[in-house]
Amino acid sequence: MGKIWAISSGSGGVGKSMLAVSLAAGAAKHGKKTILLDASGISRSCDMVLGMESVIVLDMMDVVRDQAAIEAAVYPVGRYEGLGFACASLYDHVPVSEFSSVILALHSLCDVLVIDLPTGQTDLGRGLLRKGDELLLVVRPDQISIRSAERLLMHAGNSDAGVSIVVNRSMKERLKKGVQLSREAVQMILDRPVLAEIPEDASISMSERMGKAAIECDGPAWTSLKALTEALLSGV
């Protein structure tokens, strides 16, 4: 059974889905059989980033209701060999904890299961996250995003998985002006290890418009995304 990388955030606009798509594509490019599960319901965006919004017909609710086999609801991502994509629900905001049996089934089909959780949610259900799995909380290095992350961590369920921070959209100019906080300050405030700091990078949106994951961008974020992927894969 593979590893789970669950991606969460306390507020919107921090790049949570960007990171989920990038990690899934990066794992697949490293030869790992990978499934990306977008659990954000009607606010999902991973399908659009991958250019698959018109392809997805079946979701995990169809599997739960025995209206489809799980393999039929996992769609191959043509650009990335070894990467499959699935949606928890296409039409409703259903708590991901209600999909525990499906997540276990997906888990058994791959080396890495990346879950893009709804904003403000960390709970996957009892016993799903185990030692060696990762819960990554994405934050911008500003006061509002960090306060939202603090509240989310207060309500995060206990598990054996590691809980770490990914600082995204950092800018040296804003740090110098005191608008943003340093990586060290974020780590101290949230009392969790910061696994990566990803700089603001205009080339990410260019990559996404071409149906590419941000890990294929040609700007400064590429190095950080690549290093984070490799660090997580070291435990797979």
Foldseek 3Di string as FASTA:
>chain_A
DAAEEEFEFLDPDQCRLLLLLLLQLLCLVVVWQEEEEELAAQVGCNCLLQVNPVPQDDALVCVVVVNDPLVVQWDDRVVGPNYTYHYNYHHDNDALLVSLVVVVVVRVVTNYYYYRHHYLDQDNHPPPHADLYEYEYGAEQADVRLVSVLVSVVPHDDYHHAYAYEHEADDPVCCVVVRGDDLVVSCVSNVHHHLFYAHRDPQQVVQSVVSHRSCPGPDPRVVRSNSSSVVSVVSD
